[in-house]
Amino acid sequence: MERVQGIGGFFFRSQDPQNLAEWYRDQLGVDLIPTSYEQMPWCQEAGPTAFAPFAADTTYFGRPEQTWMINFRVANLAAMVQQLQASGSSVEVDPETYPNGRFARTADPEGNPIQLWEPV
């Protein structure tokens, strides 16, 4: 069976796409989409990726109309949390350390949920 190799893009609606893209660049280091084929897009580091549909009535993502949540792998959760908080973002750190690592939650300026994961 032929298999996909990974996530090639993540696309979603926004009230202000340019400002939101700049927030992801400035706060999380996700480069802006290239404006020409000569530029390189943001490249992820190789690592595990969870792909998991949730029940339609889950409260895990927050608002009932929220249909997605992105999880970013990070090398240093404490440093990322400090960086986000210093810029005024609210971050909730899960106090538990799980067998697969540590987690925190935040949201982008439009309220889209973001989970941060530091694998073990």
N, C-alpha and C. Protein backbone atom coordinates (compact mmCIF):
# COMPACT_ATOMS: atom_id res chain seq x y z
N MET A 1 0.84 -1.19 0.00
CA MET A 1 0.00 0.00 0.00
C MET A 1 0.88 1.25 0.00
N GLU A 2 0.56 2.19 -0.85
CA GLU A 2 1.26 3.48 -0.86
C GLU A 2 0.79 4.29 0.34
N ARG A 3 1.71 4.97 1.03
CA ARG A 3 1.38 5.75 2.23
C ARG A 3 1.81 7.19 2.05
N VAL A 4 1.09 8.10 2.67
CA VAL A 4 1.52 9.49 2.66
C VAL A 4 2.78 9.60 3.51
N GLN A 5 3.59 10.62 3.26
CA GLN A 5 4.85 10.79 3.97
C GLN A 5 4.75 11.76 5.13
N GLY A 6 3.70 12.53 5.20
CA GLY A 6 3.56 13.49 6.28
C GLY A 6 2.57 14.57 5.90
N ILE A 7 2.45 15.57 6.73
CA ILE A 7 1.56 16.70 6.49
C ILE A 7 2.23 17.63 5.49
N GLY A 8 1.56 17.94 4.40
CA GLY A 8 2.11 18.83 3.39
C GLY A 8 1.61 20.26 3.53
N GLY A 9 0.57 20.46 4.31
CA GLY A 9 0.02 21.79 4.52
C GLY A 9 -1.11 21.71 5.53
N PHE A 10 -1.38 22.82 6.15
CA PHE A 10 -2.50 22.93 7.08
C PHE A 10 -3.20 24.22 6.73
N PHE A 11 -4.44 24.14 6.26
CA PHE A 11 -5.16 25.30 5.74
C PHE A 11 -6.43 25.50 6.54
N PHE A 12 -6.71 26.74 6.90
CA PHE A 12 -7.93 27.03 7.66
C PHE A 12 -8.35 28.46 7.42
N ARG A 13 -9.61 28.74 7.70
CA ARG A 13 -10.15 30.09 7.49
C ARG A 13 -9.70 31.03 8.61
N SER A 14 -9.61 32.31 8.25
CA SER A 14 -9.21 33.32 9.23
C SER A 14 -9.91 34.63 8.92
N GLN A 15 -10.18 35.41 9.96
CA GLN A 15 -10.75 36.74 9.77
C GLN A 15 -9.71 37.72 9.23
N ASP A 16 -8.44 37.48 9.55
CA ASP A 16 -7.36 38.36 9.12
C ASP A 16 -6.12 37.50 8.82
N PRO A 17 -6.11 36.85 7.66
CA PRO A 17 -5.05 35.87 7.36
C PRO A 17 -3.62 36.41 7.49
N GLN A 18 -3.36 37.61 7.03
CA GLN A 18 -1.99 38.13 7.07
C GLN A 18 -1.52 38.33 8.51
N ASN A 19 -2.33 38.98 9.33
CA ASN A 19 -1.95 39.21 10.72
C ASN A 19 -1.82 37.90 11.49
N LEU A 20 -2.72 36.95 11.20
CA LEU A 20 -2.64 35.66 11.90
C LEU A 20 -1.39 34.90 11.48
N ALA A 21 -1.05 34.92 10.19
CA ALA A 21 0.17 34.27 9.72
C ALA A 21 1.40 34.89 10.39
N GLU A 22 1.39 36.21 10.54
CA GLU A 22 2.51 36.89 11.21
C GLU A 22 2.58 36.51 12.69
N TRP A 23 1.44 36.31 13.34
CA TRP A 23 1.43 35.89 14.74
C TRP A 23 2.10 34.51 14.86
N TYR A 24 1.72 33.58 13.98
CA TYR A 24 2.34 32.24 14.01
C TYR A 24 3.85 32.33 13.75
N ARG A 25 4.26 33.22 12.86
CA ARG A 25 5.69 33.41 12.61
C ARG A 25 6.39 33.99 13.84
N ASP A 26 5.82 35.06 14.38
CA ASP A 26 6.48 35.78 15.48
C ASP A 26 6.43 35.04 16.80
N GLN A 27 5.37 34.30 17.06
CA GLN A 27 5.22 33.64 18.36
C GLN A 27 5.68 32.19 18.37
N LEU A 28 5.53 31.48 17.23
CA LEU A 28 5.84 30.06 17.21
C LEU A 28 6.93 29.68 16.21
N GLY A 29 7.36 30.64 15.40
CA GLY A 29 8.44 30.36 14.45
C GLY A 29 7.99 29.64 13.18
N VAL A 30 6.71 29.68 12.86
CA VAL A 30 6.20 29.07 11.63
C VAL A 30 6.34 30.12 10.52
N ASP A 31 7.25 29.87 9.58
CA ASP A 31 7.51 30.84 8.52
C ASP A 31 6.27 31.11 7.68
N LEU A 32 6.19 32.31 7.14
CA LEU A 32 5.11 32.67 6.22
C LEU A 32 5.19 31.82 4.96
N ILE A 33 4.05 31.63 4.33
CA ILE A 33 4.02 30.89 3.07
C ILE A 33 4.87 31.65 2.05
N PRO A 34 5.68 30.95 1.26
CA PRO A 34 6.52 31.63 0.28
C PRO A 34 5.69 32.41 -0.73
N THR A 35 6.28 33.46 -1.24
CA THR A 35 5.60 34.27 -2.26
C THR A 35 6.09 33.93 -3.66
N SER A 36 7.06 32.99 -3.76
CA SER A 36 7.54 32.52 -5.06
C SER A 36 8.06 31.10 -4.90
N TYR A 37 8.23 30.42 -6.02
CA TYR A 37 8.72 29.04 -5.97
C TYR A 37 10.21 28.97 -5.66
N GLU A 38 10.89 30.08 -5.68
CA GLU A 38 12.31 30.11 -5.34
C GLU A 38 12.52 30.12 -3.82
N GLN A 39 11.50 30.46 -3.06
CA GLN A 39 11.61 30.50 -1.59
C GLN A 39 11.21 29.15 -1.00
N MET A 40 11.83 28.82 0.10
CA MET A 40 11.51 27.56 0.80
C MET A 40 10.39 27.81 1.82
N PRO A 41 9.45 26.89 1.93
CA PRO A 41 8.43 27.01 2.96
C PRO A 41 8.99 26.57 4.31
N TRP A 42 8.22 26.78 5.36
CA TRP A 42 8.57 26.31 6.70
C TRP A 42 8.76 24.81 6.64
N CYS A 43 9.81 24.30 7.25
CA CYS A 43 10.07 22.86 7.27
C CYS A 43 10.01 22.36 8.70
N GLN A 44 9.30 21.29 8.89
CA GLN A 44 9.19 20.67 10.21
C GLN A 44 10.40 19.77 10.45
N GLU A 45 10.69 19.54 11.71
CA GLU A 45 11.66 18.53 12.05
C GLU A 45 10.95 17.19 12.05
N ALA A 46 11.63 16.15 11.63
CA ALA A 46 11.04 14.82 11.61
C ALA A 46 10.66 14.41 13.03
N GLY A 47 9.57 13.73 13.16
CA GLY A 47 9.13 13.26 14.46
C GLY A 47 7.72 12.73 14.39
N PRO A 48 7.22 12.25 15.50
CA PRO A 48 5.89 11.65 15.51
C PRO A 48 4.79 12.68 15.29
N THR A 49 3.72 12.24 14.64
CA THR A 49 2.55 13.07 14.41
C THR A 49 1.31 12.25 14.70
N ALA A 50 0.46 12.75 15.56
CA ALA A 50 -0.82 12.08 15.84
C ALA A 50 -1.85 12.58 14.85
N PHE A 51 -2.63 11.68 14.28
CA PHE A 51 -3.71 12.01 13.37
C PHE A 51 -4.94 11.33 13.94
N ALA A 52 -5.83 12.09 14.57
CA ALA A 52 -6.91 11.47 15.32
C ALA A 52 -8.24 12.22 15.19
N PRO A 53 -9.20 11.66 14.48
CA PRO A 53 -10.55 12.23 14.50
C PRO A 53 -11.14 12.10 15.91
N PHE A 54 -11.91 13.10 16.31
CA PHE A 54 -12.58 13.10 17.61
C PHE A 54 -14.09 13.06 17.39
N ALA A 55 -14.82 12.66 18.38
CA ALA A 55 -16.29 12.66 18.31
C ALA A 55 -16.78 14.08 18.04
N ALA A 56 -17.86 14.20 17.29
CA ALA A 56 -18.40 15.51 16.91
C ALA A 56 -18.77 16.36 18.12
N ASP A 57 -19.11 15.74 19.23
CA ASP A 57 -19.54 16.49 20.41
C ASP A 57 -18.44 16.66 21.45
N THR A 58 -17.17 16.46 21.07
CA THR A 58 -16.07 16.62 22.03
C THR A 58 -15.99 18.06 22.55
N THR A 59 -15.57 18.18 23.79
CA THR A 59 -15.32 19.50 24.37
C THR A 59 -13.81 19.76 24.45
N TYR A 60 -13.02 18.83 23.96
CA TYR A 60 -11.56 18.90 24.06
C TYR A 60 -10.98 20.11 23.34
N PHE A 61 -11.61 20.56 22.24
CA PHE A 61 -11.08 21.68 21.47
C PHE A 61 -11.56 23.02 21.98
N GLY A 62 -12.54 23.06 22.85
CA GLY A 62 -13.07 24.33 23.32
C GLY A 62 -14.45 24.59 22.75
N ARG A 63 -14.60 25.67 22.02
CA ARG A 63 -15.90 26.08 21.48
C ARG A 63 -16.54 24.96 20.65
N PRO A 64 -17.85 24.79 20.76
CA PRO A 64 -18.52 23.73 19.99
C PRO A 64 -18.34 23.86 18.48
N GLU A 65 -18.23 25.07 17.97
CA GLU A 65 -18.08 25.25 16.52
C GLU A 65 -16.64 25.04 16.05
N GLN A 66 -15.72 24.86 16.99
CA GLN A 66 -14.31 24.64 16.64
C GLN A 66 -14.16 23.20 16.16
N THR A 67 -13.75 23.03 14.91
CA THR A 67 -13.68 21.69 14.34
C THR A 67 -12.27 21.13 14.27
N TRP A 68 -11.27 21.89 14.70
CA TRP A 68 -9.90 21.40 14.65
C TRP A 68 -9.08 21.96 15.80
N MET A 69 -7.97 21.31 16.07
CA MET A 69 -6.96 21.81 17.01
C MET A 69 -5.62 21.33 16.47
N ILE A 70 -4.64 22.20 16.46
CA ILE A 70 -3.32 21.79 16.01
C ILE A 70 -2.43 21.55 17.22
N ASN A 71 -1.55 20.58 17.10
CA ASN A 71 -0.58 20.24 18.13
C ASN A 71 0.80 20.46 17.53
N PHE A 72 1.60 21.30 18.17
CA PHE A 72 2.98 21.54 17.72
C PHE A 72 3.93 20.85 18.67
N ARG A 73 4.88 20.08 18.12
CA ARG A 73 5.97 19.52 18.91
C ARG A 73 6.96 20.62 19.22
N VAL A 74 7.45 20.68 20.45
CA VAL A 74 8.45 21.67 20.84
C VAL A 74 9.60 20.98 21.55
N ALA A 75 10.78 21.56 21.46
CA ALA A 75 11.97 20.99 22.11
C ALA A 75 12.01 21.33 23.59
N ASN A 76 11.52 22.53 23.95
CA ASN A 76 11.61 23.00 25.33
C ASN A 76 10.29 23.69 25.69
N LEU A 77 9.41 22.95 26.32
CA LEU A 77 8.08 23.47 26.64
C LEU A 77 8.15 24.69 27.55
N ALA A 78 8.99 24.65 28.56
CA ALA A 78 9.10 25.78 29.50
C ALA A 78 9.52 27.05 28.78
N ALA A 79 10.47 26.95 27.87
CA ALA A 79 10.94 28.12 27.13
C ALA A 79 9.85 28.65 26.20
N MET A 80 9.11 27.75 25.55
CA MET A 80 8.04 28.18 24.66
C MET A 80 6.93 28.86 25.45
N VAL A 81 6.58 28.30 26.59
CA VAL A 81 5.54 28.90 27.45
C VAL A 81 5.98 30.30 27.89
N GLN A 82 7.21 30.42 28.33
CA GLN A 82 7.74 31.72 28.76
C GLN A 82 7.69 32.74 27.62
N GLN A 83 8.08 32.31 26.43
CA GLN A 83 8.08 33.19 25.26
C GLN A 83 6.65 33.67 24.94
N LEU A 84 5.70 32.77 24.97
CA LEU A 84 4.31 33.14 24.67
C LEU A 84 3.75 34.06 25.75
N GLN A 85 4.00 33.74 27.01
CA GLN A 85 3.50 34.57 28.10
C GLN A 85 4.12 35.97 28.06
N ALA A 86 5.39 36.06 27.69
CA ALA A 86 6.06 37.36 27.62
C ALA A 86 5.43 38.26 26.56
N SER A 87 4.82 37.64 25.55
CA SER A 87 4.17 38.43 24.50
C SER A 87 2.69 38.67 24.78
N GLY A 88 2.24 38.21 25.95
CA GLY A 88 0.85 38.47 26.34
C GLY A 88 -0.12 37.33 26.10
N SER A 89 0.35 36.20 25.60
CA SER A 89 -0.53 35.05 25.38
C SER A 89 -0.78 34.32 26.69
N SER A 90 -1.99 33.84 26.84
CA SER A 90 -2.34 33.01 27.99
C SER A 90 -2.01 31.56 27.65
N VAL A 91 -1.30 30.90 28.54
CA VAL A 91 -0.90 29.51 28.32
C VAL A 91 -1.24 28.70 29.57
N GLU A 92 -1.88 27.57 29.37
CA GLU A 92 -2.22 26.67 30.48
C GLU A 92 -1.33 25.43 30.36
N VAL A 93 -0.44 25.25 31.33
CA VAL A 93 0.47 24.10 31.33
C VAL A 93 -0.18 22.97 32.11
N ASP A 94 -0.24 21.80 31.50
CA ASP A 94 -0.75 20.61 32.18
C ASP A 94 0.31 20.22 33.21
N PRO A 95 -0.05 20.14 34.49
CA PRO A 95 0.95 19.84 35.52
C PRO A 95 1.44 18.39 35.48
N GLU A 96 0.72 17.52 34.80
CA GLU A 96 1.10 16.11 34.76
C GLU A 96 2.12 15.86 33.65
N THR A 97 3.07 14.98 33.93
CA THR A 97 3.98 14.49 32.91
C THR A 97 3.50 13.11 32.52
N TYR A 98 3.19 12.93 31.23
CA TYR A 98 2.65 11.67 30.72
C TYR A 98 3.77 10.81 30.18
N PRO A 99 3.51 9.52 29.95
CA PRO A 99 4.56 8.67 29.39
C PRO A 99 5.11 9.16 28.04
N ASN A 100 4.30 9.93 27.30
CA ASN A 100 4.77 10.45 26.00
C ASN A 100 5.24 11.91 26.07
N GLY A 101 5.22 12.53 27.26
CA GLY A 101 5.75 13.87 27.38
C GLY A 101 4.88 14.83 28.17
N ARG A 102 5.12 16.13 27.97
CA ARG A 102 4.41 17.21 28.67
C ARG A 102 3.64 18.04 27.67
N PHE A 103 2.55 18.67 28.16
CA PHE A 103 1.65 19.41 27.28
C PHE A 103 1.28 20.77 27.86
N ALA A 104 0.92 21.67 26.98
CA ALA A 104 0.38 22.97 27.37
C ALA A 104 -0.64 23.36 26.30
N ARG A 105 -1.53 24.28 26.66
CA ARG A 105 -2.53 24.77 25.72
C ARG A 105 -2.50 26.28 25.66
N THR A 106 -2.72 26.79 24.47
CA THR A 106 -2.86 28.21 24.25
C THR A 106 -3.84 28.38 23.10
N ALA A 107 -3.97 29.58 22.61
CA ALA A 107 -4.81 29.84 21.45
C ALA A 107 -4.19 30.98 20.65
N ASP A 108 -4.47 30.99 19.35
CA ASP A 108 -3.99 32.10 18.54
C ASP A 108 -4.92 33.30 18.76
N PRO A 109 -4.62 34.45 18.18
CA PRO A 109 -5.44 35.64 18.41
C PRO A 109 -6.91 35.52 17.98
N GLU A 110 -7.23 34.52 17.15
CA GLU A 110 -8.62 34.32 16.74
C GLU A 110 -9.30 33.24 17.56
N GLY A 111 -8.62 32.76 18.60
CA GLY A 111 -9.21 31.78 19.49
C GLY A 111 -9.08 30.33 19.05
N ASN A 112 -8.30 30.08 18.00
CA ASN A 112 -8.09 28.70 17.56
C ASN A 112 -7.18 27.99 18.56
N PRO A 113 -7.58 26.80 19.01
CA PRO A 113 -6.81 26.10 20.04
C PRO A 113 -5.49 25.56 19.50
N ILE A 114 -4.46 25.68 20.32
CA ILE A 114 -3.12 25.16 20.01
C ILE A 114 -2.65 24.35 21.20
N GLN A 115 -2.24 23.14 20.95
CA GLN A 115 -1.64 22.31 21.98
C GLN A 115 -0.15 22.24 21.70
N LEU A 116 0.66 22.42 22.72
CA LEU A 116 2.10 22.32 22.62
C LEU A 116 2.52 21.02 23.30
N TRP A 117 3.43 20.28 22.67
CA TRP A 117 3.83 18.98 23.19
C TRP A 117 5.35 18.86 23.18
N GLU A 118 5.91 18.57 24.35
CA GLU A 118 7.33 18.27 24.47
C GLU A 118 7.45 16.76 24.67
N PRO A 119 7.81 16.02 23.59
CA PRO A 119 7.93 14.57 23.74
C PRO A 119 9.07 14.18 24.68
N VAL A 120 8.97 12.99 25.24
CA VAL A 120 10.04 12.47 26.10
C VAL A 120 11.09 11.79 25.25
